[in-house]
């Protein structure tokens, strides 16, 4: 009995709009997750939050989380500026 291989034609869509939406979605959810982690473990709400912050503010883990979420926010803005520039260039190329 010969086993045949099943071909799977599921490929990742390569359309630029799909890629844009996927990158934006991953960036937003990644940023949200990091902000939630930071606020939960490094700067919690409540009356004792500032006192816990005295201990965790210099923590390498909290610094890492904060740095990554800041860079994701910068990355997010760069993506939108690039998308707007590409859209304007595309429209200009169609008009001319």
C-alpha atoms as a PDB file:
ATOM      1  CA  UNK A   1       0.000   0.000   0.000  1.00  0.00           C
ATOM      2  CA  UNK A   2       1.505   3.240  -1.129  1.00  0.00           C
ATOM      3  CA  UNK A   3       0.950   6.368   0.935  1.00  0.00           C
ATOM      4  CA  UNK A   4       0.634   9.527  -1.059  1.00  0.00           C
ATOM      5  CA  UNK A   5       1.501  12.935   0.212  1.00  0.00           C
ATOM      6  CA  UNK A   6      -1.302  15.386   0.685  1.00  0.00           C
ATOM      7  CA  UNK A   7      -0.534  18.703  -0.894  1.00  0.00           C
ATOM      8  CA  UNK A   8      -1.483  21.691   1.157  1.00  0.00           C
ATOM      9  CA  UNK A   9      -2.050  24.779  -0.953  1.00  0.00           C
ATOM     10  CA  UNK A  10      -2.496  27.097   1.983  1.00  0.00           C
ATOM     11  CA  UNK A  11       0.012  29.847   1.426  1.00  0.00           C
ATOM     12  CA  UNK A  12       0.394  33.124   3.216  1.00  0.00           C
ATOM     13  CA  UNK A  13      -1.255  35.866   1.189  1.00  0.00           C
ATOM     14  CA  UNK A  14       1.348  38.207  -0.274  1.00  0.00           C
ATOM     15  CA  UNK A  15      -0.907  41.128  -1.053  1.00  0.00           C
ATOM     16  CA  UNK A  16       0.571  44.355   0.371  1.00  0.00           C
ATOM     17  CA  UNK A  17      -2.663  45.334   2.112  1.00  0.00           C
ATOM     18  CA  UNK A  18      -2.833  41.967   3.890  1.00  0.00           C
ATOM     19  CA  UNK A  19       0.791  42.304   4.972  1.00  0.00           C
ATOM     20  CA  UNK A  20       0.122  45.858   6.199  1.00  0.00           C
ATOM     21  CA  UNK A  21      -2.923  44.794   8.229  1.00  0.00           C
ATOM     22  CA  UNK A  22      -1.031  41.814   9.698  1.00  0.00           C
ATOM     23  CA  UNK A  23       1.945  43.957  10.751  1.00  0.00           C
ATOM     24  CA  UNK A  24      -0.302  46.653  12.249  1.00  0.00           C
ATOM     25  CA  UNK A  25      -2.340  44.058  14.143  1.00  0.00           C
ATOM     26  CA  UNK A  26       0.724  42.286  15.531  1.00  0.00           C
ATOM     27  CA  UNK A  27       2.288  45.608  16.525  1.00  0.00           C
ATOM     28  CA  UNK A  28      -0.859  46.789  18.314  1.00  0.00           C
ATOM     29  CA  UNK A  29      -1.385  43.536  20.207  1.00  0.00           C
ATOM     30  CA  UNK A  30       2.306  43.299  21.076  1.00  0.00           C
ATOM     31  CA  UNK A  31       2.324  46.850  22.404  1.00  0.00           C
ATOM     32  CA  UNK A  32      -0.893  46.309  24.363  1.00  0.00           C
ATOM     33  CA  UNK A  33       0.506  43.130  25.913  1.00  0.00           C
ATOM     34  CA  UNK A  34       3.728  44.844  26.959  1.00  0.00           C
ATOM     35  CA  UNK A  35       1.870  47.806  28.457  1.00  0.00           C
ATOM     36  CA  UNK A  36      -0.346  45.418  30.431  1.00  0.00           C
ATOM     37  CA  UNK A  37       2.701  43.505  31.685  1.00  0.00           C
ATOM     38  CA  UNK A  38       4.446  46.729  32.668  1.00  0.00           C
ATOM     39  CA  UNK A  39       1.425  48.133  34.480  1.00  0.00           C
ATOM     40  CA  UNK A  40       0.771  44.841  36.267  1.00  0.00           C
ATOM     41  CA  UNK A  41       4.289  43.968  37.393  1.00  0.00           C
ATOM     42  CA  UNK A  42       6.212  47.245  37.353  1.00  0.00           C
ATOM     43  CA  UNK A  43       3.789  50.092  38.097  1.00  0.00           C
ATOM     44  CA  UNK A  44       0.590  48.712  39.603  1.00  0.00           C
ATOM     45  CA  UNK A  45      -2.428  50.831  40.462  1.00  0.00           C
ATOM     46  CA  UNK A  46      -3.438  51.421  44.025  1.00  0.00           C
ATOM     47  CA  UNK A  47      -2.126  53.112  47.102  1.00  0.00           C
ATOM     48  CA  UNK A  48       0.940  50.854  47.283  1.00  0.00           C
ATOM     49  CA  UNK A  49       1.751  51.201  43.564  1.00  0.00           C
ATOM     50  CA  UNK A  50       4.247  54.057  44.008  1.00  0.00           C
ATOM     51  CA  UNK A  51       6.000  52.141  46.785  1.00  0.00           C
ATOM     52  CA  UNK A  52       6.347  49.054  44.603  1.00  0.00           C
ATOM     53  CA  UNK A  53       7.666  51.311  41.847  1.00  0.00           C
ATOM     54  CA  UNK A  54      10.587  52.275  44.102  1.00  0.00           C
ATOM     55  CA  UNK A  55      11.738  48.654  43.858  1.00  0.00           C
ATOM     56  CA  UNK A  56      10.827  47.811  40.254  1.00  0.00           C
ATOM     57  CA  UNK A  57      11.752  51.061  38.469  1.00  0.00           C
ATOM     58  CA  UNK A  58      15.389  50.051  38.110  1.00  0.00           C
ATOM     59  CA  UNK A  59      14.589  46.433  37.358  1.00  0.00           C
ATOM     60  CA  UNK A  60      16.166  45.168  34.125  1.00  0.00           C
ATOM     61  CA  UNK A  61      12.935  43.351  33.294  1.00  0.00           C
ATOM     62  CA  UNK A  62      10.787  46.460  33.690  1.00  0.00           C
ATOM     63  CA  UNK A  63      13.299  48.552  31.774  1.00  0.00           C
ATOM     64  CA  UNK A  64      13.304  45.979  28.959  1.00  0.00           C
ATOM     65  CA  UNK A  65       9.504  45.881  28.763  1.00  0.00           C
ATOM     66  CA  UNK A  66       9.301  49.674  28.738  1.00  0.00           C
ATOM     67  CA  UNK A  67      12.003  50.021  26.068  1.00  0.00           C
ATOM     68  CA  UNK A  68      10.389  47.450  23.779  1.00  0.00           C
ATOM     69  CA  UNK A  69       6.924  48.987  24.075  1.00  0.00           C
ATOM     70  CA  UNK A  70       8.361  52.444  23.349  1.00  0.00           C
ATOM     71  CA  UNK A  71      10.140  51.155  20.250  1.00  0.00           C
ATOM     72  CA  UNK A  72       6.966  49.384  19.102  1.00  0.00           C
ATOM     73  CA  UNK A  73       5.109  52.699  19.347  1.00  0.00           C
ATOM     74  CA  UNK A  74       7.804  54.359  17.217  1.00  0.00           C
ATOM     75  CA  UNK A  75       7.637  51.454  14.754  1.00  0.00           C
ATOM     76  CA  UNK A  76       3.850  51.833  14.569  1.00  0.00           C
ATOM     77  CA  UNK A  77       4.119  55.506  13.620  1.00  0.00           C
ATOM     78  CA  UNK A  78       6.770  54.730  11.008  1.00  0.00           C
ATOM     79  CA  UNK A  79       4.504  52.103   9.443  1.00  0.00           C
ATOM     80  CA  UNK A  80       1.629  54.589   9.111  1.00  0.00           C
ATOM     81  CA  UNK A  81       3.852  57.337   7.689  1.00  0.00           C
ATOM     82  CA  UNK A  82       5.303  54.855   5.182  1.00  0.00           C
ATOM     83  CA  UNK A  83       1.836  53.647   4.203  1.00  0.00           C
ATOM     84  CA  UNK A  84       0.627  57.212   3.676  1.00  0.00           C
ATOM     85  CA  UNK A  85       3.703  58.047   1.597  1.00  0.00           C
ATOM     86  CA  UNK A  86       3.283  54.922  -0.516  1.00  0.00           C
ATOM     87  CA  UNK A  87      -0.410  55.691  -1.049  1.00  0.00           C
ATOM     88  CA  UNK A  88       0.293  59.260  -2.140  1.00  0.00           C
ATOM     89  CA  UNK A  89       3.055  58.039  -4.481  1.00  0.00           C
ATOM     90  CA  UNK A  90       0.752  55.398  -5.958  1.00  0.00           C
ATOM     91  CA  UNK A  91      -2.040  57.956  -6.540  1.00  0.00           C
ATOM     92  CA  UNK A  92       0.434  60.402  -8.073  1.00  0.00           C
ATOM     93  CA  UNK A  93       1.732  57.729 -10.436  1.00  0.00           C
ATOM     94  CA  UNK A  94      -1.832  56.988 -11.590  1.00  0.00           C
ATOM     95  CA  UNK A  95      -2.632  60.657 -12.200  1.00  0.00           C
ATOM     96  CA  UNK A  96       0.502  61.484 -14.170  1.00  0.00           C
END
